[in-house]
Amino acid sequence: MEPVRGLPPVNRVGGLAPFRWLGGGWRDLWKAPGPCLIYGLALAAFSVWICYAMYVFNAALWVLAQTLGFVFVAPMLAMGLYEAGRRIERGERPGLRSMLLVKSAVRQDTAYLGLALLLIYLFWGRVAQIVYGLSTYTLQHTVKDFLAFAVGTSDGHHMLIAGTLIGGAMAFFTYCLAVVSAPMLLDRRIDVFTATVTSFRAVSLNPGPMLLWAVLIVILMLISAATGFAAMILIFPWLGLASWRAYRDLVALPAPD
C-alpha cells in the first residue's frame, strides 16, 4: 500500500461516467462471480435477519429506520468488494478469504472513518425517533398499525416527508464523506482527513456526475429493499465493484504496484 503525500489531484469526469462505472463493475462481477455473490448473499441474509428480528418484536419504526439507514454504513461493509476490484484491476482473481480478511483496511485511519459512519448511523436512529415522536401522540405497536399510520394519515405523510428530507440530507453528507475516502483508505497509506477532503473535492468538482451516481445507488438499494433483500445478493457486489472503479476514475493516482 503506497503512501500519499498532500492532497491528490481529482479528475473531472463526464456526465455519463456513473453508467461507465456500473458497466465496468458488472464486467468485474462476472470475473469472480462465486466470492462476490457469496459476499452479497451473506450481507443480504444478515439484513433479512435484522429486519425479521425487529418485525417479531413489533419494532415497526426501527424496521424502516434501519433499512433506510443502511446507506450510512454500506461503504465500510463494501471493503471486501473494493479489495476484489483492486485485485481484478491487477489481473488477479480475488478469493473469498482475501475479501473477508482485508489486511490493508485494518488500520487506525480506516477505523476512524468507520467510527464516524457508525455515529452518523446511530444519530439517524435518534433523529428517526424524534420525527416519529413529533408526528403522533399514539404509539403503533405493530408493523401493520405503523404502516396504516404512515400511509393512511396526514400526520403519517408529514412524518415520511420530514424523515425523507432530513435523512436525505444526512445520507448525502455521508455519501460525500465516504464515496472516495473508503476505497482510498484501503488502497493507499493516507490519513483519514486527507481521504475525506479528497472525497468532498471529488463531489464538488463533479456535481452532476456525482449526483447521478448517488441517485443510481439509491435506486438500486431501494430495489434491494423492495425485493426483501433478495436483489442485494447481486446488487451490492455490483455497486461495490463499481464504486472501486469510480474511485480510480476520480482520483488521479497511478495504479498501485
Protein backbone atom coordinates (compact mmCIF):
# COMPACT_ATOMS: atom_id res chain seq x y z
CA MET A 1 0.00 0.00 0.00
CA GLU A 2 1.71 3.15 -1.23
CA PRO A 3 1.89 6.31 0.87
CA VAL A 4 0.35 9.55 -0.43
CA ARG A 5 1.70 12.97 0.48
CA GLY A 6 -0.53 16.01 0.23
CA LEU A 7 -3.91 16.21 -1.38
CA PRO A 8 -4.05 14.05 -4.51
CA PRO A 9 -5.41 15.65 -7.69
CA VAL A 10 -9.02 14.95 -8.56
CA ASN A 11 -10.20 14.31 -12.12
CA ARG A 12 -13.23 15.83 -13.76
CA VAL A 13 -15.39 13.14 -15.31
CA GLY A 14 -18.13 13.21 -17.91
CA GLY A 15 -21.80 13.36 -17.08
CA LEU A 16 -22.37 9.72 -18.04
CA ALA A 17 -19.37 8.40 -16.08
CA PRO A 18 -21.60 6.65 -13.47
CA PHE A 19 -23.00 4.40 -16.20
CA ARG A 20 -19.44 3.57 -17.24
CA TRP A 21 -18.66 2.65 -13.62
CA LEU A 22 -21.70 0.41 -13.47
CA GLY A 23 -20.74 -1.23 -16.74
CA GLY A 24 -17.20 -1.84 -15.50
CA GLY A 25 -18.46 -3.12 -12.16
CA TRP A 26 -20.82 -5.51 -13.94
CA ARG A 27 -17.96 -6.96 -16.03
CA ASP A 28 -15.78 -7.26 -12.93
CA LEU A 29 -18.55 -9.10 -11.09
CA TRP A 30 -18.52 -11.91 -13.63
CA LYS A 31 -14.75 -12.22 -13.44
CA ALA A 32 -15.16 -13.50 -9.87
CA PRO A 33 -18.87 -14.37 -9.50
CA GLY A 34 -18.51 -17.00 -6.78
CA PRO A 35 -16.87 -14.99 -3.98
CA CYS A 36 -18.67 -11.76 -4.90
CA LEU A 37 -22.14 -13.33 -4.86
CA ILE A 38 -21.39 -15.21 -1.63
CA TYR A 39 -20.37 -11.86 -0.14
CA GLY A 40 -23.67 -10.37 -1.27
CA LEU A 41 -25.63 -13.38 0.00
CA ALA A 42 -24.08 -13.08 3.46
CA LEU A 43 -24.95 -9.39 3.67
CA ALA A 44 -28.49 -9.96 2.38
CA ALA A 45 -29.05 -12.77 4.90
CA PHE A 46 -27.84 -10.57 7.74
CA SER A 47 -30.16 -7.74 6.63
CA VAL A 48 -33.12 -10.11 6.50
CA TRP A 49 -32.30 -11.45 9.96
CA ILE A 50 -32.09 -7.94 11.45
CA CYS A 51 -35.39 -6.84 9.90
CA TYR A 52 -37.13 -10.08 10.88
CA ALA A 53 -35.98 -9.73 14.48
CA MET A 54 -37.38 -6.20 14.58
CA TYR A 55 -40.62 -7.38 12.98
CA VAL A 56 -41.04 -10.16 15.55
CA PHE A 57 -40.64 -7.65 18.37
CA ASN A 58 -43.02 -5.22 16.60
CA ALA A 59 -40.32 -2.58 16.29
CA ALA A 60 -42.03 -1.14 13.22
CA LEU A 61 -40.24 2.20 13.27
CA TRP A 62 -36.87 0.52 13.53
CA VAL A 63 -37.53 -1.74 10.54
CA LEU A 64 -38.00 1.37 8.40
CA ALA A 65 -35.31 3.49 10.03
CA GLN A 66 -32.59 0.84 9.99
CA THR A 67 -33.38 -0.23 6.43
CA LEU A 68 -33.05 3.37 5.22
CA GLY A 69 -30.03 3.91 7.43
CA PHE A 70 -28.15 1.04 5.79
CA VAL A 71 -26.65 3.55 3.37
CA PHE A 72 -24.67 5.14 6.21
CA VAL A 73 -22.58 2.04 6.91
CA ALA A 74 -22.57 0.49 3.42
CA PRO A 75 -19.15 1.97 2.45
CA MET A 76 -17.43 0.05 5.25
CA LEU A 77 -19.36 -3.14 4.53
CA ALA A 78 -18.08 -2.97 0.95
CA MET A 79 -14.38 -3.07 1.90
CA GLY A 80 -14.08 -6.66 0.69
CA LEU A 81 -15.52 -5.66 -2.67
CA TYR A 82 -13.06 -2.79 -3.02
CA GLU A 83 -10.32 -5.35 -2.43
CA ALA A 84 -11.85 -7.57 -5.10
CA GLY A 85 -11.93 -4.62 -7.52
CA ARG A 86 -8.30 -3.82 -6.78
CA ARG A 87 -7.21 -7.40 -7.42
CA ILE A 88 -9.23 -7.63 -10.63
CA GLU A 89 -7.60 -4.40 -11.82
CA ARG A 90 -4.23 -6.07 -11.26
CA GLY A 91 -5.30 -9.04 -13.35
CA GLU A 92 -5.71 -11.30 -10.30
CA ARG A 93 -8.68 -13.44 -9.36
CA PRO A 94 -9.95 -12.49 -5.86
CA GLY A 95 -10.93 -15.21 -3.43
CA LEU A 96 -13.47 -15.09 -0.63
CA ARG A 97 -10.75 -15.26 2.01
CA SER A 98 -8.95 -12.20 0.63
CA MET A 99 -12.26 -10.31 0.54
CA LEU A 100 -13.15 -11.14 4.14
CA LEU A 101 -9.67 -10.58 5.57
CA VAL A 102 -8.59 -7.28 4.02
CA LYS A 103 -5.32 -6.60 5.81
CA SER A 104 -4.78 -3.17 4.26
CA ALA A 105 -8.11 -2.00 5.73
CA VAL A 106 -7.11 -2.91 9.29
CA ARG A 107 -5.52 0.32 10.44
CA GLN A 108 -6.28 3.34 12.56
CA ASP A 109 -7.45 5.77 9.88
CA THR A 110 -9.91 3.27 8.42
CA ALA A 111 -11.27 2.70 11.93
CA TYR A 112 -11.78 6.46 12.34
CA LEU A 113 -13.88 6.58 9.16
CA GLY A 114 -15.84 3.53 10.27
CA LEU A 115 -16.49 5.11 13.65
CA ALA A 116 -17.68 8.34 12.02
CA LEU A 117 -20.11 6.44 9.79
CA LEU A 118 -21.35 4.39 12.74
CA LEU A 119 -22.01 7.52 14.78
CA ILE A 120 -23.94 9.05 11.87
CA TYR A 121 -25.95 5.83 11.61
CA LEU A 122 -26.79 5.86 15.32
CA PHE A 123 -27.62 9.57 15.16
CA TRP A 124 -30.02 8.85 12.29
CA GLY A 125 -31.79 6.34 14.53
CA ARG A 126 -32.33 9.04 17.16
CA VAL A 127 -33.48 11.54 14.55
CA ALA A 128 -35.99 9.00 13.23
CA GLN A 129 -37.36 8.56 16.78
CA ILE A 130 -37.73 12.33 17.20
CA VAL A 131 -39.50 12.73 13.85
CA TYR A 132 -41.84 9.89 14.74
CA GLY A 133 -42.49 11.26 18.23
CA LEU A 134 -43.33 14.71 16.90
CA SER A 135 -45.70 13.24 14.31
CA THR A 136 -48.09 11.32 16.55
CA TYR A 137 -49.39 11.18 20.11
CA THR A 138 -50.02 7.44 19.96
CA LEU A 139 -47.63 4.52 19.70
CA GLN A 140 -48.15 2.00 16.93
CA HIS A 141 -47.30 -1.35 18.47
CA THR A 142 -47.37 -3.49 15.34
CA VAL A 143 -45.92 -3.18 11.85
CA LYS A 144 -49.46 -3.23 10.42
CA ASP A 145 -50.54 -0.30 12.62
CA PHE A 146 -47.40 1.65 11.80
CA LEU A 147 -47.89 1.22 8.05
CA ALA A 148 -51.54 2.25 8.38
CA PHE A 149 -50.46 5.40 10.22
CA ALA A 150 -47.62 6.23 7.81
CA VAL A 151 -49.59 5.67 4.60
CA GLY A 152 -53.15 6.45 5.61
CA THR A 153 -52.97 9.61 7.74
CA SER A 154 -51.86 13.20 7.14
CA ASP A 155 -49.59 13.05 10.21
CA GLY A 156 -48.00 9.93 8.76
CA HIS A 157 -47.43 11.70 5.46
CA HIS A 158 -45.77 14.61 7.27
CA MET A 159 -43.57 12.14 9.13
CA LEU A 160 -42.47 10.50 5.88
CA ILE A 161 -41.76 13.84 4.23
CA ALA A 162 -39.78 15.17 7.20
CA GLY A 163 -37.89 11.89 7.59
CA THR A 164 -37.07 11.80 3.88
CA LEU A 165 -35.76 15.37 3.84
CA ILE A 166 -33.67 15.01 7.00
CA GLY A 167 -32.48 11.52 6.17
CA GLY A 168 -31.69 12.55 2.60
CA ALA A 169 -29.52 15.44 3.80
CA MET A 170 -27.68 13.18 6.23
CA ALA A 171 -27.27 10.48 3.59
CA PHE A 172 -25.83 12.94 1.06
CA PHE A 173 -23.35 14.27 3.60
CA THR A 174 -22.31 10.69 4.36
CA TYR A 175 -22.02 9.98 0.65
CA CYS A 176 -19.72 12.99 0.16
CA LEU A 177 -17.66 11.89 3.15
CA ALA A 178 -17.13 8.28 2.08
CA VAL A 179 -17.68 7.86 -1.67
CA VAL A 180 -13.95 8.20 -2.38
CA SER A 181 -12.39 8.02 1.08
CA ALA A 182 -13.46 4.43 1.90
CA PRO A 183 -11.77 2.75 -1.10
CA MET A 184 -8.89 5.23 -0.93
CA LEU A 185 -8.05 4.28 2.67
CA LEU A 186 -7.93 0.65 1.62
CA ASP A 187 -5.78 1.39 -1.42
CA ARG A 188 -3.24 3.91 -0.08
CA ARG A 189 -1.40 4.74 3.10
CA ILE A 190 -3.17 8.02 3.73
CA ASP A 191 -4.70 9.73 6.74
CA VAL A 192 -8.46 9.92 7.16
CA PHE A 193 -8.52 13.72 6.95
CA THR A 194 -6.84 13.76 3.53
CA ALA A 195 -9.07 10.94 2.30
CA THR A 196 -12.32 12.61 3.36
CA VAL A 197 -11.27 16.03 2.00
CA THR A 198 -10.45 14.34 -1.31
CA SER A 199 -13.88 12.72 -1.27
CA PHE A 200 -15.63 16.08 -0.78
CA ARG A 201 -13.45 17.61 -3.53
CA ALA A 202 -14.41 14.82 -5.93
CA VAL A 203 -18.09 15.60 -5.37
CA SER A 204 -17.68 19.39 -5.56
CA LEU A 205 -15.67 19.23 -8.81
CA ASN A 206 -18.12 16.80 -10.40
CA PRO A 207 -21.54 17.81 -9.03
CA GLY A 208 -23.60 16.49 -11.95
CA PRO A 209 -22.00 13.05 -12.32
CA MET A 210 -21.72 12.54 -8.56
CA LEU A 211 -25.37 13.47 -8.01
CA LEU A 212 -26.32 11.00 -10.73
CA TRP A 213 -24.13 8.36 -9.08
CA ALA A 214 -25.86 8.98 -5.73
CA VAL A 215 -29.30 8.66 -7.37
CA LEU A 216 -28.33 5.40 -9.07
CA ILE A 217 -27.06 3.98 -5.77
CA VAL A 218 -30.31 4.95 -4.02
CA ILE A 219 -32.44 3.41 -6.77
CA LEU A 220 -30.54 0.14 -6.73
CA MET A 221 -30.60 -0.07 -2.93
CA LEU A 222 -34.35 0.62 -2.91
CA ILE A 223 -34.78 -2.23 -5.38
CA SER A 224 -32.82 -4.42 -2.97
CA ALA A 225 -35.08 -3.48 -0.06
CA ALA A 226 -38.26 -3.84 -2.15
CA THR A 227 -37.35 -7.43 -3.01
CA GLY A 228 -36.89 -8.37 0.63
CA PHE A 229 -33.12 -8.01 0.13
CA ALA A 230 -33.04 -10.85 -2.42
CA ALA A 231 -31.73 -8.48 -5.11
CA MET A 232 -28.99 -7.36 -2.73
CA ILE A 233 -27.17 -10.62 -3.43
CA LEU A 234 -26.40 -9.27 -6.89
CA ILE A 235 -26.73 -5.51 -6.46
CA PHE A 236 -24.41 -4.95 -3.50
CA PRO A 237 -21.37 -6.68 -5.07
CA TRP A 238 -22.11 -4.88 -8.34
CA LEU A 239 -22.20 -1.50 -6.60
CA GLY A 240 -19.10 -2.26 -4.55
CA LEU A 241 -17.05 -3.11 -7.64
CA ALA A 242 -18.47 -0.11 -9.50
CA SER A 243 -17.52 2.11 -6.54
CA TRP A 244 -13.94 0.93 -6.84
CA ARG A 245 -13.96 1.97 -10.49
CA ALA A 246 -15.46 5.34 -9.52
CA TYR A 247 -12.63 5.95 -7.06
CA ARG A 248 -9.97 5.00 -9.62
CA ASP A 249 -11.59 7.29 -12.20
CA LEU A 250 -11.98 10.26 -9.86
CA VAL A 251 -8.67 10.29 -8.01
CA ALA A 252 -5.62 10.94 -10.18
CA LEU A 253 -3.21 8.45 -8.64
CA PRO A 254 -1.14 5.90 -10.54
CA ALA A 255 -2.26 2.28 -10.29
CA PRO A 256 -0.70 0.63 -7.22
CA ASP A 257 2.04 -1.91 -7.80
